[in-house]
Amino acid sequence: MNISSASTAINWPTPKPIGTAGSAARDAGGRKPDDIAADFLKYASMSPMERMRANILKGMDLTEEQLGSLPQDERRKIEDTIKDSIRKMVSADGRTGQLVDVSA
């Protein structure tokens, strides 16, 4: 049985290296891979309380910069809301410091 190499050759597409496509390599939100990695590293370096605060602000469609630029009375109301939300999460079942539901 003689099979020629030409009949069994598969022409696989050449993969493009990650991050070398310039401005074309962006996610759905228009961010470059380096920006995504920097955002992840920033988030990963946060303390648990900082992460909770960031997530609460994100839920309010605010950033720290936007919060800082608000008038003092409006900022204070939002800061109080954030503190109350964190207190509720931390002591949801009466045990201070319990952040994970281990009842399952």
PDB file of N, CA and C in Angstrom:
ATOM      1  N   MET A   1       0.846  -1.150   0.000  1.00  0.00           N
ATOM      2  CA  MET A   1       0.000   0.000   0.000  1.00  0.00           C
ATOM      3  C   MET A   1       0.902   1.225   0.000  1.00  0.00           C
ATOM      4  N   ASN A   2       0.761   2.052  -1.006  1.00  0.00           N
ATOM      5  CA  ASN A   2       1.613   3.214  -1.176  1.00  0.00           C
ATOM      6  C   ASN A   2       0.752   4.480  -1.132  1.00  0.00           C
ATOM      7  N   ILE A   3       0.926   5.252  -0.108  1.00  0.00           N
ATOM      8  CA  ILE A   3       0.162   6.496   0.029  1.00  0.00           C
ATOM      9  C   ILE A   3       1.141   7.648  -0.160  1.00  0.00           C
ATOM     10  N   SER A   4       0.855   8.497  -1.096  1.00  0.00           N
ATOM     11  CA  SER A   4       1.766   9.628  -1.314  1.00  0.00           C
ATOM     12  C   SER A   4       1.573  10.671  -0.228  1.00  0.00           C
ATOM     13  N   SER A   5       2.655  11.342   0.113  1.00  0.00           N
ATOM     14  CA  SER A   5       2.593  12.345   1.173  1.00  0.00           C
ATOM     15  C   SER A   5       1.755  13.541   0.758  1.00  0.00           C
ATOM     16  N   ALA A   6       1.618  13.788  -0.528  1.00  0.00           N
ATOM     17  CA  ALA A   6       0.833  14.926  -0.997  1.00  0.00           C
ATOM     18  C   ALA A   6      -0.652  14.727  -0.714  1.00  0.00           C
ATOM     19  N   SER A   7      -1.120  13.496  -0.763  1.00  0.00           N
ATOM     20  CA  SER A   7      -2.543  13.263  -0.549  1.00  0.00           C
ATOM     21  C   SER A   7      -2.923  13.294   0.933  1.00  0.00           C
ATOM     22  N   THR A   8      -1.961  13.155   1.823  1.00  0.00           N
ATOM     23  CA  THR A   8      -2.266  13.154   3.253  1.00  0.00           C
ATOM     24  C   THR A   8      -1.854  14.445   3.945  1.00  0.00           C
ATOM     25  N   ALA A   9      -1.299  15.384   3.221  1.00  0.00           N
ATOM     26  CA  ALA A   9      -0.863  16.637   3.838  1.00  0.00           C
ATOM     27  C   ALA A   9      -2.072  17.464   4.263  1.00  0.00           C
ATOM     28  N   ILE A  10      -1.982  18.018   5.439  1.00  0.00           N
ATOM     29  CA  ILE A  10      -3.039  18.882   5.955  1.00  0.00           C
ATOM     30  C   ILE A  10      -2.462  20.289   6.057  1.00  0.00           C
ATOM     31  N   ASN A  11      -3.147  21.223   5.489  1.00  0.00           N
ATOM     32  CA  ASN A  11      -2.705  22.612   5.544  1.00  0.00           C
ATOM     33  C   ASN A  11      -3.393  23.332   6.701  1.00  0.00           C
ATOM     34  N   TRP A  12      -2.796  23.260   7.869  1.00  0.00           N
ATOM     35  CA  TRP A  12      -3.332  23.929   9.038  1.00  0.00           C
ATOM     36  C   TRP A  12      -3.058  25.426   8.943  1.00  0.00           C
ATOM     37  N   PRO A  13      -3.993  26.253   9.376  1.00  0.00           N
ATOM     38  CA  PRO A  13      -3.730  27.697   9.359  1.00  0.00           C
ATOM     39  C   PRO A  13      -2.635  28.040  10.371  1.00  0.00           C
ATOM     40  N   THR A  14      -1.830  28.998  10.047  1.00  0.00           N
ATOM     41  CA  THR A  14      -0.764  29.425  10.941  1.00  0.00           C
ATOM     42  C   THR A  14      -1.375  30.269  12.053  1.00  0.00           C
ATOM     43  N   PRO A  15      -1.188  29.866  13.323  1.00  0.00           N
ATOM     44  CA  PRO A  15      -1.773  30.640  14.417  1.00  0.00           C
ATOM     45  C   PRO A  15      -1.083  31.986  14.554  1.00  0.00           C
ATOM     46  N   LYS A  16      -1.861  32.995  14.927  1.00  0.00           N
ATOM     47  CA  LYS A  16      -1.309  34.325  15.149  1.00  0.00           C
ATOM     48  C   LYS A  16      -0.844  34.419  16.597  1.00  0.00           C
ATOM     49  N   PRO A  17       0.351  34.955  16.818  1.00  0.00           N
ATOM     50  CA  PRO A  17       0.825  35.120  18.196  1.00  0.00           C
ATOM     51  C   PRO A  17      -0.090  36.064  18.972  1.00  0.00           C
ATOM     52  N   ILE A  18      -0.291  35.773  20.227  1.00  0.00           N
ATOM     53  CA  ILE A  18      -1.141  36.591  21.074  1.00  0.00           C
ATOM     54  C   ILE A  18      -0.451  37.918  21.354  1.00  0.00           C
ATOM     55  N   GLY A  19      -1.205  39.000  21.235  1.00  0.00           N
ATOM     56  CA  GLY A  19      -0.703  40.311  21.593  1.00  0.00           C
ATOM     57  C   GLY A  19       0.167  40.982  20.555  1.00  0.00           C
ATOM     58  N   THR A  20       0.330  40.407  19.367  1.00  0.00           N
ATOM     59  CA  THR A  20       1.184  41.031  18.361  1.00  0.00           C
ATOM     60  C   THR A  20       0.391  41.620  17.214  1.00  0.00           C
ATOM     61  N   ALA A  21      -0.908  41.586  17.300  1.00  0.00           N
ATOM     62  CA  ALA A  21      -1.732  42.088  16.202  1.00  0.00           C
ATOM     63  C   ALA A  21      -1.969  43.588  16.304  1.00  0.00           C
ATOM     64  N   GLY A  22      -1.333  44.265  17.249  1.00  0.00           N
ATOM     65  CA  GLY A  22      -1.475  45.713  17.388  1.00  0.00           C
ATOM     66  C   GLY A  22      -2.846  46.104  17.874  1.00  0.00           C
ATOM     67  N   SER A  23      -3.425  47.095  17.238  1.00  0.00           N
ATOM     68  CA  SER A  23      -4.706  47.612  17.697  1.00  0.00           C
ATOM     69  C   SER A  23      -5.856  46.652  17.412  1.00  0.00           C
ATOM     70  N   ALA A  24      -5.652  45.650  16.552  1.00  0.00           N
ATOM     71  CA  ALA A  24      -6.715  44.696  16.249  1.00  0.00           C
ATOM     72  C   ALA A  24      -6.941  43.724  17.395  1.00  0.00           C
ATOM     73  N   ALA A  25      -5.949  43.515  18.274  1.00  0.00           N
ATOM     74  CA  ALA A  25      -6.073  42.567  19.382  1.00  0.00           C
ATOM     75  C   ALA A  25      -6.713  43.265  20.568  1.00  0.00           C
ATOM     76  N   ARG A  26      -8.022  43.268  20.604  1.00  0.00           N
ATOM     77  CA  ARG A  26      -8.774  43.902  21.696  1.00  0.00           C
ATOM     78  C   ARG A  26      -9.945  43.005  22.076  1.00  0.00           C
ATOM     79  N   ASP A  27     -10.415  43.159  23.304  1.00  0.00           N
ATOM     80  CA  ASP A  27     -11.582  42.388  23.714  1.00  0.00           C
ATOM     81  C   ASP A  27     -12.852  43.109  23.266  1.00  0.00           C
ATOM     82  N   ALA A  28     -13.987  42.578  23.639  1.00  0.00           N
ATOM     83  CA  ALA A  28     -15.262  43.158  23.219  1.00  0.00           C
ATOM     84  C   ALA A  28     -15.441  44.582  23.733  1.00  0.00           C
ATOM     85  N   GLY A  29     -14.801  44.904  24.857  1.00  0.00           N
ATOM     86  CA  GLY A  29     -14.893  46.248  25.415  1.00  0.00           C
ATOM     87  C   GLY A  29     -13.871  47.205  24.844  1.00  0.00           C
ATOM     88  N   GLY A  30     -13.051  46.740  23.891  1.00  0.00           N
ATOM     89  CA  GLY A  30     -12.074  47.599  23.254  1.00  0.00           C
ATOM     90  C   GLY A  30     -10.755  47.709  23.996  1.00  0.00           C
ATOM     91  N   ARG A  31     -10.537  46.847  25.001  1.00  0.00           N
ATOM     92  CA  ARG A  31      -9.298  46.912  25.783  1.00  0.00           C
ATOM     93  C   ARG A  31      -8.239  45.998  25.201  1.00  0.00           C
ATOM     94  N   LYS A  32      -6.989  46.426  25.279  1.00  0.00           N
ATOM     95  CA  LYS A  32      -5.857  45.625  24.818  1.00  0.00           C
ATOM     96  C   LYS A  32      -5.522  44.567  25.864  1.00  0.00           C
ATOM     97  N   PRO A  33      -4.878  43.470  25.458  1.00  0.00           N
ATOM     98  CA  PRO A  33      -4.510  42.423  26.419  1.00  0.00           C
ATOM     99  C   PRO A  33      -3.660  42.946  27.582  1.00  0.00           C
ATOM    100  N   ASP A  34      -2.758  43.889  27.321  1.00  0.00           N
ATOM    101  CA  ASP A  34      -1.936  44.441  28.404  1.00  0.00           C
ATOM    102  C   ASP A  34      -2.785  45.192  29.418  1.00  0.00           C
ATOM    103  N   ASP A  35      -3.816  45.897  28.951  1.00  0.00           N
ATOM    104  CA  ASP A  35      -4.708  46.615  29.852  1.00  0.00           C
ATOM    105  C   ASP A  35      -5.509  45.647  30.711  1.00  0.00           C
ATOM    106  N   ILE A  36      -5.941  44.560  30.099  1.00  0.00           N
ATOM    107  CA  ILE A  36      -6.714  43.546  30.828  1.00  0.00           C
ATOM    108  C   ILE A  36      -5.845  42.917  31.919  1.00  0.00           C
ATOM    109  N   ALA A  37      -4.606  42.588  31.574  1.00  0.00           N
ATOM    110  CA  ALA A  37      -3.684  42.001  32.547  1.00  0.00           C
ATOM    111  C   ALA A  37      -3.398  42.980  33.682  1.00  0.00           C
ATOM    112  N   ALA A  38      -3.210  44.249  33.368  1.00  0.00           N
ATOM    113  CA  ALA A  38      -2.947  45.258  34.398  1.00  0.00           C
ATOM    114  C   ALA A  38      -4.152  45.399  35.332  1.00  0.00           C
ATOM    115  N   ASP A  39      -5.367  45.385  34.758  1.00  0.00           N
ATOM    116  CA  ASP A  39      -6.576  45.464  35.588  1.00  0.00           C
ATOM    117  C   ASP A  39      -6.681  44.255  36.513  1.00  0.00           C
ATOM    118  N   PHE A  40      -6.377  43.072  35.985  1.00  0.00           N
ATOM    119  CA  PHE A  40      -6.426  41.862  36.813  1.00  0.00           C
ATOM    120  C   PHE A  40      -5.420  41.936  37.953  1.00  0.00           C
ATOM    121  N   LEU A  41      -4.184  42.329  37.653  1.00  0.00           N
ATOM    122  CA  LEU A  41      -3.158  42.407  38.691  1.00  0.00           C
ATOM    123  C   LEU A  41      -3.525  43.438  39.755  1.00  0.00           C
ATOM    124  N   LYS A  42      -4.118  44.538  39.338  1.00  0.00           N
ATOM    125  CA  LYS A  42      -4.565  45.555  40.299  1.00  0.00           C
ATOM    126  C   LYS A  42      -5.643  44.970  41.217  1.00  0.00           C
ATOM    127  N   TYR A  43      -6.614  44.276  40.632  1.00  0.00           N
ATOM    128  CA  TYR A  43      -7.692  43.672  41.409  1.00  0.00           C
ATOM    129  C   TYR A  43      -7.155  42.576  42.333  1.00  0.00           C
ATOM    130  N   ALA A  44      -6.236  41.756  41.826  1.00  0.00           N
ATOM    131  CA  ALA A  44      -5.694  40.655  42.624  1.00  0.00           C
ATOM    132  C   ALA A  44      -4.874  41.146  43.809  1.00  0.00           C
ATOM    133  N   SER A  45      -4.302  42.340  43.698  1.00  0.00           N
ATOM    134  CA  SER A  45      -3.482  42.864  44.792  1.00  0.00           C
ATOM    135  C   SER A  45      -4.312  43.563  45.868  1.00  0.00           C
ATOM    136  N   MET A  46      -5.613  43.695  45.651  1.00  0.00           N
ATOM    137  CA  MET A  46      -6.489  44.356  46.629  1.00  0.00           C
ATOM    138  C   MET A  46      -6.766  43.446  47.822  1.00  0.00           C
ATOM    139  N   SER A  47      -7.012  44.070  48.960  1.00  0.00           N
ATOM    140  CA  SER A  47      -7.450  43.319  50.132  1.00  0.00           C
ATOM    141  C   SER A  47      -8.915  42.925  49.928  1.00  0.00           C
ATOM    142  N   PRO A  48      -9.425  41.974  50.715  1.00  0.00           N
ATOM    143  CA  PRO A  48     -10.836  41.601  50.570  1.00  0.00           C
ATOM    144  C   PRO A  48     -11.790  42.789  50.751  1.00  0.00           C
ATOM    145  N   MET A  49     -11.496  43.676  51.680  1.00  0.00           N
ATOM    146  CA  MET A  49     -12.359  44.844  51.891  1.00  0.00           C
ATOM    147  C   MET A  49     -12.304  45.794  50.694  1.00  0.00           C
ATOM    148  N   GLU A  50     -11.112  45.963  50.125  1.00  0.00           N
ATOM    149  CA  GLU A  50     -10.984  46.812  48.940  1.00  0.00           C
ATOM    150  C   GLU A  50     -11.758  46.218  47.765  1.00  0.00           C
ATOM    151  N   ARG A  51     -11.726  44.892  47.648  1.00  0.00           N
ATOM    152  CA  ARG A  51     -12.487  44.239  46.580  1.00  0.00           C
ATOM    153  C   ARG A  51     -13.985  44.425  46.775  1.00  0.00           C
ATOM    154  N   MET A  52     -14.443  44.286  48.013  1.00  0.00           N
ATOM    155  CA  MET A  52     -15.865  44.495  48.282  1.00  0.00           C
ATOM    156  C   MET A  52     -16.265  45.920  47.922  1.00  0.00           C
ATOM    157  N   ARG A  53     -15.444  46.881  48.329  1.00  0.00           N
ATOM    158  CA  ARG A  53     -15.726  48.290  48.029  1.00  0.00           C
ATOM    159  C   ARG A  53     -15.766  48.512  46.518  1.00  0.00           C
ATOM    160  N   ALA A  54     -14.785  47.963  45.800  1.00  0.00           N
ATOM    161  CA  ALA A  54     -14.735  48.115  44.344  1.00  0.00           C
ATOM    162  C   ALA A  54     -15.968  47.491  43.689  1.00  0.00           C
ATOM    163  N   ASN A  55     -16.389  46.333  44.166  1.00  0.00           N
ATOM    164  CA  ASN A  55     -17.567  45.671  43.600  1.00  0.00           C
ATOM    165  C   ASN A  55     -18.849  46.448  43.893  1.00  0.00           C
ATOM    166  N   ILE A  56     -18.955  47.021  45.078  1.00  0.00           N
ATOM    167  CA  ILE A  56     -20.133  47.832  45.417  1.00  0.00           C
ATOM    168  C   ILE A  56     -20.169  49.072  44.529  1.00  0.00           C
ATOM    169  N   LEU A  57     -19.024  49.735  44.385  1.00  0.00           N
ATOM    170  CA  LEU A  57     -18.964  50.909  43.511  1.00  0.00           C
ATOM    171  C   LEU A  57     -19.313  50.537  42.069  1.00  0.00           C
ATOM    172  N   LYS A  58     -18.826  49.393  41.609  1.00  0.00           N
ATOM    173  CA  LYS A  58     -19.127  48.940  40.251  1.00  0.00           C
ATOM    174  C   LYS A  58     -20.630  48.727  40.093  1.00  0.00           C
ATOM    175  N   GLY A  59     -21.259  48.174  41.128  1.00  0.00           N
ATOM    176  CA  GLY A  59     -22.707  47.977  41.100  1.00  0.00           C
ATOM    177  C   GLY A  59     -23.474  49.291  41.057  1.00  0.00           C
ATOM    178  N   MET A  60     -22.852  50.356  41.535  1.00  0.00           N
ATOM    179  CA  MET A  60     -23.455  51.693  41.488  1.00  0.00           C
ATOM    180  C   MET A  60     -23.036  52.448  40.219  1.00  0.00           C
ATOM    181  N   ASP A  61     -22.306  51.783  39.341  1.00  0.00           N
ATOM    182  CA  ASP A  61     -21.767  52.395  38.122  1.00  0.00           C
ATOM    183  C   ASP A  61     -20.883  53.594  38.431  1.00  0.00           C
ATOM    184  N   LEU A  62     -20.039  53.452  39.459  1.00  0.00           N
ATOM    185  CA  LEU A  62     -19.111  54.510  39.858  1.00  0.00           C
ATOM    186  C   LEU A  62     -17.696  53.978  39.950  1.00  0.00           C
ATOM    187  N   THR A  63     -16.736  54.851  39.742  1.00  0.00           N
ATOM    188  CA  THR A  63     -15.333  54.540  39.999  1.00  0.00           C
ATOM    189  C   THR A  63     -14.882  55.377  41.187  1.00  0.00           C
ATOM    190  N   GLU A  64     -13.717  55.055  41.739  1.00  0.00           N
ATOM    191  CA  GLU A  64     -13.183  55.849  42.847  1.00  0.00           C
ATOM    192  C   GLU A  64     -12.989  57.301  42.405  1.00  0.00           C
ATOM    193  N   GLU A  65     -12.552  57.496  41.167  1.00  0.00           N
ATOM    194  CA  GLU A  65     -12.325  58.842  40.652  1.00  0.00           C
ATOM    195  C   GLU A  65     -13.634  59.621  40.569  1.00  0.00           C
ATOM    196  N   GLN A  66     -14.687  58.971  40.076  1.00  0.00           N
ATOM    197  CA  GLN A  66     -15.990  59.629  39.996  1.00  0.00           C
ATOM    198  C   GLN A  66     -16.522  59.944  41.380  1.00  0.00           C
ATOM    199  N   LEU A  67     -16.356  59.010  42.315  1.00  0.00           N
ATOM    200  CA  LEU A  67     -16.798  59.231  43.682  1.00  0.00           C
ATOM    201  C   LEU A  67     -16.074  60.421  44.292  1.00  0.00           C
ATOM    202  N   GLY A  68     -14.770  60.527  44.051  1.00  0.00           N
ATOM    203  CA  GLY A  68     -13.986  61.633  44.595  1.00  0.00           C
ATOM    204  C   GLY A  68     -14.369  62.985  44.041  1.00  0.00           C
ATOM    205  N   SER A  69     -14.956  62.994  42.843  1.00  0.00           N
ATOM    206  CA  SER A  69     -15.319  64.270  42.232  1.00  0.00           C
ATOM    207  C   SER A  69     -16.737  64.728  42.575  1.00  0.00           C
ATOM    208  N   LEU A  70     -17.482  63.906  43.315  1.00  0.00           N
ATOM    209  CA  LEU A  70     -18.845  64.275  43.702  1.00  0.00           C
ATOM    210  C   LEU A  70     -18.834  65.333  44.805  1.00  0.00           C
ATOM    211  N   PRO A  71     -19.934  66.085  44.933  1.00  0.00           N
ATOM    212  CA  PRO A  71     -20.043  67.020  46.056  1.00  0.00           C
ATOM    213  C   PRO A  71     -19.962  66.269  47.390  1.00  0.00           C
ATOM    214  N   GLN A  72     -19.462  66.946  48.414  1.00  0.00           N
ATOM    215  CA  GLN A  72     -19.186  66.316  49.707  1.00  0.00           C
ATOM    216  C   GLN A  72     -20.401  65.598  50.302  1.00  0.00           C
ATOM    217  N   ASP A  73     -21.576  66.220  50.279  1.00  0.00           N
ATOM    218  CA  ASP A  73     -22.757  65.588  50.887  1.00  0.00           C
ATOM    219  C   ASP A  73     -23.203  64.343  50.120  1.00  0.00           C
ATOM    220  N   GLU A  74     -23.126  64.409  48.793  1.00  0.00           N
ATOM    221  CA  GLU A  74     -23.496  63.236  47.990  1.00  0.00           C
ATOM    222  C   GLU A  74     -22.492  62.104  48.182  1.00  0.00           C
ATOM    223  N   ARG A  75     -21.212  62.460  48.256  1.00  0.00           N
ATOM    224  CA  ARG A  75     -20.171  61.449  48.480  1.00  0.00           C
ATOM    225  C   ARG A  75     -20.362  60.781  49.843  1.00  0.00           C
ATOM    226  N   ARG A  76     -20.672  61.573  50.860  1.00  0.00           N
ATOM    227  CA  ARG A  76     -20.871  61.019  52.208  1.00  0.00           C
ATOM    228  C   ARG A  76     -22.017  60.017  52.230  1.00  0.00           C
ATOM    229  N   LYS A  77     -23.109  60.315  51.519  1.00  0.00           N
ATOM    230  CA  LYS A  77     -24.244  59.382  51.456  1.00  0.00           C
ATOM    231  C   LYS A  77     -23.820  58.052  50.815  1.00  0.00           C
ATOM    232  N   ILE A  78     -23.058  58.146  49.737  1.00  0.00           N
ATOM    233  CA  ILE A  78     -22.600  56.930  49.056  1.00  0.00           C
ATOM    234  C   ILE A  78     -21.627  56.157  49.932  1.00  0.00           C
ATOM    235  N   GLU A  79     -20.713  56.870  50.607  1.00  0.00           N
ATOM    236  CA  GLU A  79     -19.767  56.207  51.523  1.00  0.00           C
ATOM    237  C   GLU A  79     -20.519  55.490  52.644  1.00  0.00           C
ATOM    238  N   ASP A  80     -21.567  56.113  53.178  1.00  0.00           N
ATOM    239  CA  ASP A  80     -22.376  55.468  54.224  1.00  0.00           C
ATOM    240  C   ASP A  80     -23.074  54.220  53.688  1.00  0.00           C
ATOM    241  N   THR A  81     -23.575  54.292  52.447  1.00  0.00           N
ATOM    242  CA  THR A  81     -24.212  53.135  51.825  1.00  0.00           C
ATOM    243  C   THR A  81     -23.214  51.997  51.658  1.00  0.00           C
ATOM    244  N   ILE A  82     -21.985  52.333  51.252  1.00  0.00           N
ATOM    245  CA  ILE A  82     -20.937  51.320  51.085  1.00  0.00           C
ATOM    246  C   ILE A  82     -20.614  50.676  52.430  1.00  0.00           C
ATOM    247  N   LYS A  83     -20.454  51.489  53.477  1.00  0.00           N
ATOM    248  CA  LYS A  83     -20.153  50.958  54.813  1.00  0.00           C
ATOM    249  C   LYS A  83     -21.262  50.036  55.297  1.00  0.00           C
ATOM    250  N   ASP A  84     -22.515  50.442  55.104  1.00  0.00           N
ATOM    251  CA  ASP A  84     -23.635  49.602  55.524  1.00  0.00           C
ATOM    252  C   ASP A  84     -23.670  48.287  54.755  1.00  0.00           C
ATOM    253  N   SER A  85     -23.395  48.347  53.460  1.00  0.00           N
ATOM    254  CA  SER A  85     -23.386  47.126  52.639  1.00  0.00           C
ATOM    255  C   SER A  85     -22.302  46.166  53.095  1.00  0.00           C
ATOM    256  N   ILE A  86     -21.122  46.700  53.395  1.00  0.00           N
ATOM    257  CA  ILE A  86     -20.019  45.848  53.856  1.00  0.00           C
ATOM    258  C   ILE A  86     -20.343  45.251  55.218  1.00  0.00           C
ATOM    259  N   ARG A  87     -20.907  46.058  56.112  1.00  0.00           N
ATOM    260  CA  ARG A  87     -21.296  45.532  57.436  1.00  0.00           C
ATOM    261  C   ARG A  87     -22.298  44.390  57.310  1.00  0.00           C
ATOM    262  N   LYS A  88     -23.265  44.547  56.411  1.00  0.00           N
ATOM    263  CA  LYS A  88     -24.268  43.500  56.217  1.00  0.00           C
ATOM    264  C   LYS A  88     -23.635  42.226  55.672  1.00  0.00           C
ATOM    265  N   MET A  89     -22.687  42.370  54.745  1.00  0.00           N
ATOM    266  CA  MET A  89     -22.023  41.190  54.179  1.00  0.00           C
ATOM    267  C   MET A  89     -21.163  40.489  55.221  1.00  0.00           C
ATOM    268  N   VAL A  90     -20.457  41.264  56.029  1.00  0.00           N
ATOM    269  CA  VAL A  90     -19.527  40.692  56.996  1.00  0.00           C
ATOM    270  C   VAL A  90     -20.262  39.988  58.123  1.00  0.00           C
ATOM    271  N   SER A  91     -21.375  40.545  58.559  1.00  0.00           N
ATOM    272  CA  SER A  91     -22.081  39.941  59.692  1.00  0.00           C
ATOM    273  C   SER A  91     -23.480  39.473  59.294  1.00  0.00           C
ATOM    274  N   ALA A  92     -23.603  38.899  58.127  1.00  0.00           N
ATOM    275  CA  ALA A  92     -24.905  38.467  57.615  1.00  0.00           C
ATOM    276  C   ALA A  92     -25.568  37.421  58.508  1.00  0.00           C
ATOM    277  N   ASP A  93     -24.776  36.553  59.111  1.00  0.00           N
ATOM    278  CA  ASP A  93     -25.377  35.514  59.947  1.00  0.00           C
ATOM    279  C   ASP A  93     -25.029  35.703  61.424  1.00  0.00           C
ATOM    280  N   GLY A  94     -24.600  36.899  61.770  1.00  0.00           N
ATOM    281  CA  GLY A  94     -24.297  37.175  63.168  1.00  0.00           C
ATOM    282  C   GLY A  94     -22.879  36.853  63.575  1.00  0.00           C
ATOM    283  N   ARG A  95     -22.108  36.242  62.718  1.00  0.00           N
ATOM    284  CA  ARG A  95     -20.720  35.903  63.036  1.00  0.00           C
ATOM    285  C   ARG A  95     -19.815  36.877  62.310  1.00  0.00           C
ATOM    286  N   THR A  96     -19.263  37.823  63.031  1.00  0.00           N
ATOM    287  CA  THR A  96     -18.399  38.834  62.438  1.00  0.00           C
ATOM    288  C   THR A  96     -17.223  38.176  61.752  1.00  0.00           C
ATOM    289  N   GLY A  97     -16.935  38.635  60.538  1.00  0.00           N
ATOM    290  CA  GLY A  97     -15.800  38.122  59.801  1.00  0.00           C
ATOM    291  C   GLY A  97     -16.128  36.952  58.891  1.00  0.00           C
ATOM    292  N   GLN A  98     -17.324  36.429  58.970  1.00  0.00           N
ATOM    293  CA  GLN A  98     -17.705  35.317  58.115  1.00  0.00           C
ATOM    294  C   GLN A  98     -18.151  35.831  56.760  1.00  0.00           C
ATOM    295  N   LEU A  99     -17.342  35.619  55.710  1.00  0.00           N
ATOM    296  CA  LEU A  99     -17.640  36.126  54.376  1.00  0.00           C
ATOM    297  C   LEU A  99     -18.125  35.038  53.440  1.00  0.00           C
ATOM    298  N   VAL A 100     -18.034  33.792  53.858  1.00  0.00           N
ATOM    299  CA  VAL A 100     -18.420  32.687  52.989  1.00  0.00           C
ATOM    300  C   VAL A 100     -19.474  31.859  53.694  1.00  0.00           C
ATOM    301  N   ASP A 101     -20.496  31.453  52.945  1.00  0.00           N
ATOM    302  CA  ASP A 101     -21.535  30.606  53.498  1.00  0.00           C
ATOM    303  C   ASP A 101     -21.019  29.172  53.539  1.00  0.00           C
ATOM    304  N   VAL A 102     -20.738  28.675  54.744  1.00  0.00           N
ATOM    305  CA  VAL A 102     -20.206  27.328  54.905  1.00  0.00           C
ATOM    306  C   VAL A 102     -21.269  26.370  55.436  1.00  0.00           C
ATOM    307  N   SER A 103     -22.537  26.758  55.345  1.00  0.00           N
ATOM    308  CA  SER A 103     -23.608  25.936  55.911  1.00  0.00           C
ATOM    309  C   SER A 103     -23.980  24.760  55.019  1.00  0.00           C
ATOM    310  N   ALA A 104     -23.537  24.748  53.772  1.00  0.00           N
ATOM    311  CA  ALA A 104     -23.940  23.683  52.845  1.00  0.00           C
ATOM    312  C   ALA A 104     -23.254  22.383  53.119  1.00  0.00           C
TER     313      ALA A 104
END
